[in-house]
Amino acid sequence: MTPLAHIAALPIRAYRMIFSPWVGFNCRYQPTCSAYALESLEKHGAIKGGWLAAKRIGRCHPWGNCGYDPVPDQNTSDTKTCTHDTHDH
């Protein structure tokens, strides 16, 4: 993790230690938003990882989606792609 990403991760780690036990574990997505944010900072650094984390937190609301939403790999784009082979693209 880059030094800037370590700094960006501090508020997330503080949230996980202090507030998360009080709020509960009610995230709509898997991995949780805080785990997603830490992983995105680890994989993509402070700028892109922070952007990915902000977008994920923005999607986490009662009218949003839910389910498995992993951090994209570095060599792929942010867009979701169809990975099954039941039809042609």
C-alpha atoms as a PDB file:
ATOM      1  CA  MET A   1       0.000   0.000   0.000  1.00  0.00           C
ATOM      2  CA  THR A   2       1.354   3.416  -0.895  1.00  0.00           C
ATOM      3  CA  PRO A   3       2.027   5.943   1.890  1.00  0.00           C
ATOM      4  CA  LEU A   4      -0.879   8.119   0.715  1.00  0.00           C
ATOM      5  CA  ALA A   5      -3.168   5.076   0.689  1.00  0.00           C
ATOM      6  CA  HIS A   6      -2.105   4.304   4.274  1.00  0.00           C
ATOM      7  CA  ILE A   7      -3.165   7.802   5.278  1.00  0.00           C
ATOM      8  CA  ALA A   8      -6.463   7.453   3.405  1.00  0.00           C
ATOM      9  CA  ALA A   9      -7.087   4.135   5.182  1.00  0.00           C
ATOM     10  CA  LEU A  10      -6.795   5.643   8.683  1.00  0.00           C
ATOM     11  CA  PRO A  11     -10.394   6.962   8.876  1.00  0.00           C
ATOM     12  CA  ILE A  12     -11.683   3.627   7.548  1.00  0.00           C
ATOM     13  CA  ARG A  13      -9.739   1.695  10.169  1.00  0.00           C
ATOM     14  CA  ALA A  14     -10.982   4.093  12.864  1.00  0.00           C
ATOM     15  CA  TYR A  15     -14.570   3.579  11.680  1.00  0.00           C
ATOM     16  CA  ARG A  16     -14.122  -0.196  11.840  1.00  0.00           C
ATOM     17  CA  MET A  17     -12.701  -0.048  15.381  1.00  0.00           C
ATOM     18  CA  ILE A  18     -14.937   2.626  16.903  1.00  0.00           C
ATOM     19  CA  PHE A  19     -18.239   2.981  15.066  1.00  0.00           C
ATOM     20  CA  SER A  20     -18.822  -0.296  13.258  1.00  0.00           C
ATOM     21  CA  PRO A  21     -19.495  -2.314  16.442  1.00  0.00           C
ATOM     22  CA  TRP A  22     -22.152   0.241  17.464  1.00  0.00           C
ATOM     23  CA  VAL A  23     -23.776   0.560  14.031  1.00  0.00           C
ATOM     24  CA  GLY A  24     -23.822  -3.155  13.352  1.00  0.00           C
ATOM     25  CA  PHE A  25     -22.951  -5.155  10.282  1.00  0.00           C
ATOM     26  CA  ASN A  26     -25.768  -4.269   7.908  1.00  0.00           C
ATOM     27  CA  CYS A  27     -23.973  -3.714   4.624  1.00  0.00           C
ATOM     28  CA  ARG A  28     -25.967  -4.509   1.485  1.00  0.00           C
ATOM     29  CA  TYR A  29     -22.891  -5.721  -0.331  1.00  0.00           C
ATOM     30  CA  GLN A  30     -20.276  -8.400   0.148  1.00  0.00           C
ATOM     31  CA  PRO A  31     -17.512  -7.533   0.968  1.00  0.00           C
ATOM     32  CA  THR A  32     -18.677  -4.802   3.333  1.00  0.00           C
ATOM     33  CA  CYS A  33     -18.126  -1.202   2.272  1.00  0.00           C
ATOM     34  CA  SER A  34     -15.248  -0.695   4.704  1.00  0.00           C
ATOM     35  CA  ALA A  35     -13.538  -3.931   3.595  1.00  0.00           C
ATOM     36  CA  TYR A  36     -14.086  -2.884  -0.041  1.00  0.00           C
ATOM     37  CA  ALA A  37     -12.533   0.524   0.670  1.00  0.00           C
ATOM     38  CA  LEU A  38      -9.443  -0.973   2.317  1.00  0.00           C
ATOM     39  CA  GLU A  39      -8.997  -3.503  -0.490  1.00  0.00           C
ATOM     40  CA  SER A  40      -9.433  -0.862  -3.183  1.00  0.00           C
ATOM     41  CA  LEU A  41      -6.811   1.334  -1.505  1.00  0.00           C
ATOM     42  CA  GLU A  42      -4.487  -1.680  -1.323  1.00  0.00           C
ATOM     43  CA  LYS A  43      -4.962  -2.690  -4.964  1.00  0.00           C
ATOM     44  CA  HIS A  44      -5.289   0.707  -6.651  1.00  0.00           C
ATOM     45  CA  GLY A  45      -3.642   3.286  -4.391  1.00  0.00           C
ATOM     46  CA  ALA A  46      -5.090   6.405  -2.812  1.00  0.00           C
ATOM     47  CA  ILE A  47      -6.511   8.185  -5.860  1.00  0.00           C
ATOM     48  CA  LYS A  48      -8.213   5.427  -7.843  1.00  0.00           C
ATOM     49  CA  GLY A  49      -8.862   3.287  -4.756  1.00  0.00           C
ATOM     50  CA  GLY A  50     -10.443   6.250  -2.991  1.00  0.00           C
ATOM     51  CA  TRP A  51     -12.607   6.934  -6.042  1.00  0.00           C
ATOM     52  CA  LEU A  52     -13.734   3.302  -6.207  1.00  0.00           C
ATOM     53  CA  ALA A  53     -14.537   3.338  -2.485  1.00  0.00           C
ATOM     54  CA  ALA A  54     -16.513   6.586  -2.808  1.00  0.00           C
ATOM     55  CA  LYS A  55     -18.500   5.165  -5.729  1.00  0.00           C
ATOM     56  CA  ARG A  56     -19.258   2.019  -3.730  1.00  0.00           C
ATOM     57  CA  ILE A  57     -20.413   3.968  -0.686  1.00  0.00           C
ATOM     58  CA  GLY A  58     -22.593   6.060  -2.994  1.00  0.00           C
ATOM     59  CA  ARG A  59     -24.268   2.872  -4.240  1.00  0.00           C
ATOM     60  CA  CYS A  60     -24.957   1.617  -0.725  1.00  0.00           C
ATOM     61  CA  HIS A  61     -28.424   2.974  -0.002  1.00  0.00           C
ATOM     62  CA  PRO A  62     -31.899   1.454   0.487  1.00  0.00           C
ATOM     63  CA  TRP A  63     -32.804   1.867  -3.195  1.00  0.00           C
ATOM     64  CA  GLY A  64     -29.510   0.499  -4.500  1.00  0.00           C
ATOM     65  CA  ASN A  65     -28.461  -2.979  -5.453  1.00  0.00           C
ATOM     66  CA  CYS A  66     -27.051  -5.610  -3.153  1.00  0.00           C
ATOM     67  CA  GLY A  67     -24.984  -8.785  -3.366  1.00  0.00           C
ATOM     68  CA  TYR A  68     -21.429  -9.686  -4.259  1.00  0.00           C
ATOM     69  CA  ASP A  69     -19.467  -6.675  -5.543  1.00  0.00           C
ATOM     70  CA  PRO A  70     -15.705  -7.305  -5.549  1.00  0.00           C
ATOM     71  CA  VAL A  71     -12.982  -4.718  -6.083  1.00  0.00           C
ATOM     72  CA  PRO A  72     -11.972  -4.775  -9.761  1.00  0.00           C
ATOM     73  CA  ASP A  73      -8.471  -5.939 -10.606  1.00  0.00           C
ATOM     74  CA  GLN A  74      -5.882  -3.398 -11.702  1.00  0.00           C
ATOM     75  CA  ASN A  75      -5.860  -4.610 -15.285  1.00  0.00           C
ATOM     76  CA  THR A  76      -9.635  -4.308 -15.758  1.00  0.00           C
ATOM     77  CA  SER A  77     -11.825  -1.253 -16.067  1.00  0.00           C
ATOM     78  CA  ASP A  78     -14.419  -0.130 -13.522  1.00  0.00           C
ATOM     79  CA  THR A  79     -17.289  -1.258 -15.720  1.00  0.00           C
ATOM     80  CA  LYS A  80     -19.108  -4.475 -15.025  1.00  0.00           C
ATOM     81  CA  THR A  81     -18.758  -7.055 -17.748  1.00  0.00           C
ATOM     82  CA  CYS A  82     -20.775 -10.126 -18.474  1.00  0.00           C
ATOM     83  CA  THR A  83     -18.729 -13.218 -17.626  1.00  0.00           C
ATOM     84  CA  HIS A  84     -21.080 -16.020 -18.584  1.00  0.00           C
ATOM     85  CA  ASP A  85     -21.199 -17.747 -21.937  1.00  0.00           C
ATOM     86  CA  THR A  86     -24.917 -18.277 -22.491  1.00  0.00           C
ATOM     87  CA  HIS A  87     -25.058 -15.669 -25.231  1.00  0.00           C
ATOM     88  CA  ASP A  88     -22.829 -13.783 -27.656  1.00  0.00           C
ATOM     89  CA  HIS A  89     -21.579 -10.236 -27.090  1.00  0.00           C
END
